[in-house]
Amino acid sequence: YDISHLRVKAVKTIREKGIIVETGSEEERNTLSSEIVNKLGKRLEVIQHKLRKPRLIIYNVPNEITTENVVAIIKTQNPELLTNGEDIEAKYMFKNRKGRYNIVVEISSQIRKQILQSRVILGWEICNVADYVIPRRCYKCSRYNHKHYDCRGEETCPHCTGKHKKNECTTAEIEQKCINCITYNRFNKEEKVNENHSALSKGCPSLQAVLKRYRDNIEY
């Protein structure tokens, strides 16, 4: 059938004997899905990609706040932020460098902006809030999209690409190399990126590309 009127940005095959089709907009995605179902519904199954809910990080929460009670406390002490009974779910908490705890919560996109423009009251403290966008990076091979316990690669230093751990590296900052940007340049001959930095650098082009893909899959 004719889909020439749709902007198909990319087509990729996947292992489960299927294909991933990227369209130019949500409207075009819905149109393509409807046409496939109408004409090939008995032969093909269409699964539309669902965007993730945004996650926010609440900094320096009081010691009495936990993942079990934080949602109830937010709703009680911040009624102006959650006026329509919006969903909010505590995901996990972790200790920061100051010895205090941060909590990550998942929330609907409708009230994300409202919360980001204010602060959250917890107990007797007013806590700062920000978007929480953290890519998965392997501490073993320094590459993205998997964790160290699933890694099948070699030990790779994030500072110099050497076959040793980060804390064993003696490379000067001016001589650092990024394994991810080196790999990108190897497979992209025309568009080169700077690879003279640590894979841990916040300005790393590979990191920025991963963050962009991550944000593109969040329902902002």
C-alpha atoms as a PDB file:
ATOM      1  CA  TYR A   1       0.000   0.000   0.000  1.00  0.00           C
ATOM      2  CA  ASP A   2       1.041   3.614  -0.516  1.00  0.00           C
ATOM      3  CA  ILE A   3       2.670   5.409   2.429  1.00  0.00           C
ATOM      4  CA  SER A   4       4.460   8.015   0.334  1.00  0.00           C
ATOM      5  CA  HIS A   5       2.507  10.779   2.100  1.00  0.00           C
ATOM      6  CA  LEU A   6       4.088   9.794   5.424  1.00  0.00           C
ATOM      7  CA  ARG A   7       7.541  10.835   6.626  1.00  0.00           C
ATOM      8  CA  VAL A   8       9.320   7.599   7.468  1.00  0.00           C
ATOM      9  CA  LYS A   9      12.560   8.718   9.106  1.00  0.00           C
ATOM     10  CA  ALA A  10      14.120   5.299   9.707  1.00  0.00           C
ATOM     11  CA  VAL A  11      13.443   1.580   9.399  1.00  0.00           C
ATOM     12  CA  LYS A  12      15.349  -0.989  11.449  1.00  0.00           C
ATOM     13  CA  THR A  13      15.014  -4.774  11.643  1.00  0.00           C
ATOM     14  CA  ILE A  14      14.937  -6.479  15.051  1.00  0.00           C
ATOM     15  CA  ARG A  15      15.650 -10.011  16.199  1.00  0.00           C
ATOM     16  CA  GLU A  16      12.045 -10.988  16.815  1.00  0.00           C
ATOM     17  CA  LYS A  17      11.385 -11.046  13.043  1.00  0.00           C
ATOM     18  CA  GLY A  18       9.982  -7.547  13.057  1.00  0.00           C
ATOM     19  CA  ILE A  19      10.850  -4.010  12.085  1.00  0.00           C
ATOM     20  CA  ILE A  20      10.952  -0.684  13.884  1.00  0.00           C
ATOM     21  CA  VAL A  21       9.580   2.246  11.864  1.00  0.00           C
ATOM     22  CA  GLU A  22      10.292   5.822  12.983  1.00  0.00           C
ATOM     23  CA  THR A  23       7.882   8.441  11.685  1.00  0.00           C
ATOM     24  CA  GLY A  24       8.063  12.222  11.692  1.00  0.00           C
ATOM     25  CA  SER A  25       5.238  12.811  14.168  1.00  0.00           C
ATOM     26  CA  GLU A  26       2.747  11.124  16.466  1.00  0.00           C
ATOM     27  CA  GLU A  27      -0.041  11.792  13.960  1.00  0.00           C
ATOM     28  CA  GLU A  28       1.894  10.030  11.203  1.00  0.00           C
ATOM     29  CA  ARG A  29       2.659   7.152  13.546  1.00  0.00           C
ATOM     30  CA  ASN A  30      -1.040   6.691  14.277  1.00  0.00           C
ATOM     31  CA  THR A  31      -1.912   6.905  10.567  1.00  0.00           C
ATOM     32  CA  LEU A  32       0.666   4.287   9.627  1.00  0.00           C
ATOM     33  CA  SER A  33      -0.471   2.016  12.455  1.00  0.00           C
ATOM     34  CA  SER A  34      -4.105   2.262  11.317  1.00  0.00           C
ATOM     35  CA  GLU A  35      -3.242   1.486   7.693  1.00  0.00           C
ATOM     36  CA  ILE A  36      -1.201  -1.571   8.657  1.00  0.00           C
ATOM     37  CA  VAL A  37      -3.966  -2.865  10.921  1.00  0.00           C
ATOM     38  CA  ASN A  38      -6.643  -2.290   8.253  1.00  0.00           C
ATOM     39  CA  LYS A  39      -4.761  -3.948   5.416  1.00  0.00           C
ATOM     40  CA  LEU A  40      -2.444  -6.448   7.113  1.00  0.00           C
ATOM     41  CA  GLY A  41      -4.023  -6.904  10.508  1.00  0.00           C
ATOM     42  CA  LYS A  42      -4.385 -10.658  10.137  1.00  0.00           C
ATOM     43  CA  ARG A  43      -0.726 -11.106   9.229  1.00  0.00           C
ATOM     44  CA  LEU A  44       1.084  -8.431  11.246  1.00  0.00           C
ATOM     45  CA  GLU A  45       0.888  -7.211  14.826  1.00  0.00           C
ATOM     46  CA  VAL A  46       1.447  -3.506  15.410  1.00  0.00           C
ATOM     47  CA  ILE A  47       2.895  -2.359  18.722  1.00  0.00           C
ATOM     48  CA  GLN A  48       3.171   1.383  19.183  1.00  0.00           C
ATOM     49  CA  HIS A  49       6.096   2.641  21.212  1.00  0.00           C
ATOM     50  CA  LYS A  50       5.070   4.178  24.532  1.00  0.00           C
ATOM     51  CA  LEU A  51       6.981   7.078  25.995  1.00  0.00           C
ATOM     52  CA  ARG A  52       8.298   6.841  29.537  1.00  0.00           C
ATOM     53  CA  LYS A  53       6.958   9.032  32.299  1.00  0.00           C
ATOM     54  CA  PRO A  54       9.330  11.782  33.447  1.00  0.00           C
ATOM     55  CA  ARG A  55      11.457  11.242  36.520  1.00  0.00           C
ATOM     56  CA  LEU A  56      12.381  13.965  38.978  1.00  0.00           C
ATOM     57  CA  ILE A  57      15.056  14.005  41.646  1.00  0.00           C
ATOM     58  CA  ILE A  58      14.313  15.611  45.011  1.00  0.00           C
ATOM     59  CA  TYR A  59      17.547  16.752  46.651  1.00  0.00           C
ATOM     60  CA  ASN A  60      18.578  16.566  50.310  1.00  0.00           C
ATOM     61  CA  VAL A  61      15.409  15.134  51.790  1.00  0.00           C
ATOM     62  CA  PRO A  62      15.087  15.022  55.608  1.00  0.00           C
ATOM     63  CA  ASN A  63      16.275  11.860  57.342  1.00  0.00           C
ATOM     64  CA  GLU A  64      12.750  10.739  58.216  1.00  0.00           C
ATOM     65  CA  ILE A  65      11.697  10.668  54.548  1.00  0.00           C
ATOM     66  CA  THR A  66      11.734   7.256  52.848  1.00  0.00           C
ATOM     67  CA  THR A  67      10.510   5.776  49.575  1.00  0.00           C
ATOM     68  CA  GLU A  68       7.587   4.326  51.542  1.00  0.00           C
ATOM     69  CA  ASN A  69       6.297   7.626  52.971  1.00  0.00           C
ATOM     70  CA  VAL A  70       7.508  10.316  50.542  1.00  0.00           C
ATOM     71  CA  VAL A  71       4.458  10.206  48.239  1.00  0.00           C
ATOM     72  CA  ALA A  72       1.990  10.644  51.096  1.00  0.00           C
ATOM     73  CA  ILE A  73       4.063  13.505  52.546  1.00  0.00           C
ATOM     74  CA  ILE A  74       4.332  15.272  49.172  1.00  0.00           C
ATOM     75  CA  LYS A  75       0.555  15.095  48.693  1.00  0.00           C
ATOM     76  CA  THR A  76      -0.132  16.297  52.228  1.00  0.00           C
ATOM     77  CA  GLN A  77       2.355  19.164  52.370  1.00  0.00           C
ATOM     78  CA  ASN A  78       2.160  20.298  48.733  1.00  0.00           C
ATOM     79  CA  PRO A  79      -1.548  20.222  47.821  1.00  0.00           C
ATOM     80  CA  GLU A  80      -1.155  23.119  45.373  1.00  0.00           C
ATOM     81  CA  LEU A  81       1.158  20.982  43.196  1.00  0.00           C
ATOM     82  CA  LEU A  82      -1.088  17.924  43.033  1.00  0.00           C
ATOM     83  CA  THR A  83      -4.569  19.360  42.593  1.00  0.00           C
ATOM     84  CA  ASN A  84      -6.158  16.586  40.527  1.00  0.00           C
ATOM     85  CA  GLY A  85      -4.880  13.450  42.231  1.00  0.00           C
ATOM     86  CA  GLU A  86      -2.034  13.001  39.744  1.00  0.00           C
ATOM     87  CA  ASP A  87       0.010   9.824  39.874  1.00  0.00           C
ATOM     88  CA  ILE A  88       3.401   9.959  41.558  1.00  0.00           C
ATOM     89  CA  GLU A  89       5.588   6.968  42.404  1.00  0.00           C
ATOM     90  CA  ALA A  90       8.795   6.796  44.428  1.00  0.00           C
ATOM     91  CA  LYS A  91      11.421   4.753  42.559  1.00  0.00           C
ATOM     92  CA  TYR A  92      14.479   4.744  44.818  1.00  0.00           C
ATOM     93  CA  MET A  93      16.748   6.884  47.015  1.00  0.00           C
ATOM     94  CA  PHE A  94      20.510   7.195  47.328  1.00  0.00           C
ATOM     95  CA  LYS A  95      23.070   9.030  49.437  1.00  0.00           C
ATOM     96  CA  ASN A  96      24.773  12.044  47.859  1.00  0.00           C
ATOM     97  CA  ARG A  97      28.271  13.401  48.431  1.00  0.00           C
ATOM     98  CA  LYS A  98      27.092  15.527  51.326  1.00  0.00           C
ATOM     99  CA  GLY A  99      25.862  12.474  53.186  1.00  0.00           C
ATOM    100  CA  ARG A 100      22.226  13.452  52.650  1.00  0.00           C
ATOM    101  CA  TYR A 101      19.686  11.462  50.635  1.00  0.00           C
ATOM    102  CA  ASN A 102      18.091  12.210  47.268  1.00  0.00           C
ATOM    103  CA  ILE A 103      14.855  10.552  46.144  1.00  0.00           C
ATOM    104  CA  VAL A 104      13.883   9.803  42.541  1.00  0.00           C
ATOM    105  CA  VAL A 105      10.163   9.882  41.751  1.00  0.00           C
ATOM    106  CA  GLU A 106       8.196   9.176  38.583  1.00  0.00           C
ATOM    107  CA  ILE A 107       5.406  11.586  37.804  1.00  0.00           C
ATOM    108  CA  SER A 108       2.945  12.517  35.063  1.00  0.00           C
ATOM    109  CA  SER A 109       4.063  14.964  32.399  1.00  0.00           C
ATOM    110  CA  GLN A 110       1.093  17.255  33.116  1.00  0.00           C
ATOM    111  CA  ILE A 111       2.484  18.526  36.406  1.00  0.00           C
ATOM    112  CA  ARG A 112       6.206  18.129  35.751  1.00  0.00           C
ATOM    113  CA  LYS A 113       6.679  21.761  34.713  1.00  0.00           C
ATOM    114  CA  GLN A 114       4.668  23.030  37.659  1.00  0.00           C
ATOM    115  CA  ILE A 115       6.806  21.115  40.131  1.00  0.00           C
ATOM    116  CA  LEU A 116      10.069  22.146  38.427  1.00  0.00           C
ATOM    117  CA  GLN A 117       9.061  25.802  38.708  1.00  0.00           C
ATOM    118  CA  SER A 118       8.705  25.518  42.475  1.00  0.00           C
ATOM    119  CA  ARG A 119      10.180  23.592  45.381  1.00  0.00           C
ATOM    120  CA  VAL A 120       8.828  20.650  47.341  1.00  0.00           C
ATOM    121  CA  ILE A 121       8.149  20.903  51.060  1.00  0.00           C
ATOM    122  CA  LEU A 122       9.130  17.771  52.993  1.00  0.00           C
ATOM    123  CA  GLY A 123       8.916  17.863  56.750  1.00  0.00           C
ATOM    124  CA  TRP A 124      10.475  21.142  57.871  1.00  0.00           C
ATOM    125  CA  GLU A 125      12.600  21.603  54.776  1.00  0.00           C
ATOM    126  CA  ILE A 126      12.137  23.023  51.286  1.00  0.00           C
ATOM    127  CA  CYS A 127      13.851  20.726  48.751  1.00  0.00           C
ATOM    128  CA  ASN A 128      15.063  21.544  45.262  1.00  0.00           C
ATOM    129  CA  VAL A 129      13.777  19.414  42.380  1.00  0.00           C
ATOM    130  CA  ALA A 130      15.195  18.733  38.901  1.00  0.00           C
ATOM    131  CA  ASP A 131      14.721  16.424  35.933  1.00  0.00           C
ATOM    132  CA  TYR A 132      16.455  13.092  36.468  1.00  0.00           C
ATOM    133  CA  VAL A 133      17.985  11.854  33.226  1.00  0.00           C
ATOM    134  CA  ILE A 134      20.799   9.363  33.803  1.00  0.00           C
ATOM    135  CA  PRO A 135      21.962   6.994  31.039  1.00  0.00           C
ATOM    136  CA  ARG A 136      23.076   3.453  31.791  1.00  0.00           C
ATOM    137  CA  ARG A 137      26.866   3.268  31.567  1.00  0.00           C
ATOM    138  CA  CYS A 138      28.926   0.172  32.248  1.00  0.00           C
ATOM    139  CA  TYR A 139      31.643   0.621  34.873  1.00  0.00           C
ATOM    140  CA  LYS A 140      33.612  -2.235  33.289  1.00  0.00           C
ATOM    141  CA  CYS A 141      33.849  -1.384  29.576  1.00  0.00           C
ATOM    142  CA  SER A 142      32.800   2.310  29.848  1.00  0.00           C
ATOM    143  CA  ARG A 143      30.116   1.923  27.165  1.00  0.00           C
ATOM    144  CA  TYR A 144      26.421   2.728  27.364  1.00  0.00           C
ATOM    145  CA  ASN A 145      23.076   0.905  27.492  1.00  0.00           C
ATOM    146  CA  HIS A 146      24.042  -1.908  29.852  1.00  0.00           C
ATOM    147  CA  LYS A 147      25.328  -2.463  33.380  1.00  0.00           C
ATOM    148  CA  HIS A 148      28.586  -4.057  34.477  1.00  0.00           C
ATOM    149  CA  TYR A 149      26.895  -7.292  35.590  1.00  0.00           C
ATOM    150  CA  ASP A 150      25.612  -7.830  32.032  1.00  0.00           C
ATOM    151  CA  CYS A 151      28.868  -6.804  30.350  1.00  0.00           C
ATOM    152  CA  ARG A 152      30.576  -9.120  27.879  1.00  0.00           C
ATOM    153  CA  GLY A 153      33.297  -6.656  26.978  1.00  0.00           C
ATOM    154  CA  GLU A 154      36.830  -6.115  28.215  1.00  0.00           C
ATOM    155  CA  GLU A 155      37.878  -3.915  31.122  1.00  0.00           C
ATOM    156  CA  THR A 156      38.310  -0.442  29.590  1.00  0.00           C
ATOM    157  CA  CYS A 157      39.474   2.635  31.474  1.00  0.00           C
ATOM    158  CA  PRO A 158      37.099   5.587  30.915  1.00  0.00           C
ATOM    159  CA  HIS A 159      40.023   8.030  30.983  1.00  0.00           C
ATOM    160  CA  CYS A 160      42.465   6.502  28.509  1.00  0.00           C
ATOM    161  CA  THR A 161      40.821   3.342  26.995  1.00  0.00           C
ATOM    162  CA  GLY A 162      43.525   1.210  28.627  1.00  0.00           C
ATOM    163  CA  LYS A 163      42.765  -2.300  29.912  1.00  0.00           C
ATOM    164  CA  HIS A 164      42.715  -1.335  33.579  1.00  0.00           C
ATOM    165  CA  LYS A 165      40.333   0.122  36.163  1.00  0.00           C
ATOM    166  CA  LYS A 166      39.687   3.848  36.476  1.00  0.00           C
ATOM    167  CA  ASN A 167      41.447   4.131  39.851  1.00  0.00           C
ATOM    168  CA  GLU A 168      44.588   2.597  38.341  1.00  0.00           C
ATOM    169  CA  CYS A 169      44.878   5.202  35.558  1.00  0.00           C
ATOM    170  CA  THR A 170      47.832   7.597  35.568  1.00  0.00           C
ATOM    171  CA  THR A 171      47.080   9.331  32.253  1.00  0.00           C
ATOM    172  CA  ALA A 172      47.240  13.132  32.326  1.00  0.00           C
ATOM    173  CA  GLU A 173      43.995  14.960  31.539  1.00  0.00           C
ATOM    174  CA  ILE A 174      45.437  16.449  28.352  1.00  0.00           C
ATOM    175  CA  GLU A 175      46.113  12.927  27.012  1.00  0.00           C
ATOM    176  CA  GLN A 176      42.726  11.391  27.829  1.00  0.00           C
ATOM    177  CA  LYS A 177      40.733   9.486  25.178  1.00  0.00           C
ATOM    178  CA  CYS A 178      37.057   8.486  25.070  1.00  0.00           C
ATOM    179  CA  ILE A 179      36.322   4.912  23.987  1.00  0.00           C
ATOM    180  CA  ASN A 180      32.773   5.822  22.921  1.00  0.00           C
ATOM    181  CA  CYS A 181      33.776   8.710  20.669  1.00  0.00           C
ATOM    182  CA  ILE A 182      36.648   6.661  19.201  1.00  0.00           C
ATOM    183  CA  THR A 183      34.147   3.924  18.330  1.00  0.00           C
ATOM    184  CA  TYR A 184      31.764   6.475  16.793  1.00  0.00           C
ATOM    185  CA  ASN A 185      34.513   7.952  14.604  1.00  0.00           C
ATOM    186  CA  ARG A 186      35.542   4.474  13.489  1.00  0.00           C
ATOM    187  CA  PHE A 187      32.120   3.816  11.988  1.00  0.00           C
ATOM    188  CA  ASN A 188      31.295   7.361  10.866  1.00  0.00           C
ATOM    189  CA  LYS A 189      33.935   8.466   8.398  1.00  0.00           C
ATOM    190  CA  GLU A 190      32.303  11.749   7.351  1.00  0.00           C
ATOM    191  CA  GLU A 191      31.115  13.301  10.626  1.00  0.00           C
ATOM    192  CA  LYS A 192      33.872  13.158  13.227  1.00  0.00           C
ATOM    193  CA  VAL A 193      33.528  14.116  16.893  1.00  0.00           C
ATOM    194  CA  ASN A 194      36.145  15.160  19.412  1.00  0.00           C
ATOM    195  CA  GLU A 195      37.558  12.093  21.196  1.00  0.00           C
ATOM    196  CA  ASN A 196      40.211  13.839  23.327  1.00  0.00           C
ATOM    197  CA  HIS A 197      38.457  13.618  26.678  1.00  0.00           C
ATOM    198  CA  SER A 198      37.437  11.128  29.345  1.00  0.00           C
ATOM    199  CA  ALA A 199      34.336   9.018  28.770  1.00  0.00           C
ATOM    200  CA  LEU A 200      33.131  10.510  32.077  1.00  0.00           C
ATOM    201  CA  SER A 201      33.202  14.079  30.736  1.00  0.00           C
ATOM    202  CA  LYS A 202      29.808  15.812  30.888  1.00  0.00           C
ATOM    203  CA  GLY A 203      30.612  17.459  27.552  1.00  0.00           C
ATOM    204  CA  CYS A 204      31.299  14.142  25.781  1.00  0.00           C
ATOM    205  CA  PRO A 205      29.510  14.088  22.362  1.00  0.00           C
ATOM    206  CA  SER A 206      28.622  10.416  22.837  1.00  0.00           C
ATOM    207  CA  LEU A 207      27.059  11.154  26.223  1.00  0.00           C
ATOM    208  CA  GLN A 208      25.059  14.043  24.765  1.00  0.00           C
ATOM    209  CA  ALA A 209      23.781  11.762  21.975  1.00  0.00           C
ATOM    210  CA  VAL A 210      22.704   9.133  24.514  1.00  0.00           C
ATOM    211  CA  LEU A 211      20.949  11.765  26.633  1.00  0.00           C
ATOM    212  CA  LYS A 212      19.116  13.117  23.575  1.00  0.00           C
ATOM    213  CA  ARG A 213      17.833   9.650  22.658  1.00  0.00           C
ATOM    214  CA  TYR A 214      16.782   9.128  26.274  1.00  0.00           C
ATOM    215  CA  ARG A 215      14.891  12.456  26.392  1.00  0.00           C
ATOM    216  CA  ASP A 216      13.234  11.719  23.042  1.00  0.00           C
ATOM    217  CA  ASN A 217      11.604   8.696  24.704  1.00  0.00           C
ATOM    218  CA  ILE A 218      10.185  10.617  27.658  1.00  0.00           C
ATOM    219  CA  GLU A 219       6.697  12.089  27.676  1.00  0.00           C
ATOM    220  CA  TYR A 220       7.570  15.716  28.372  1.00  0.00           C
END
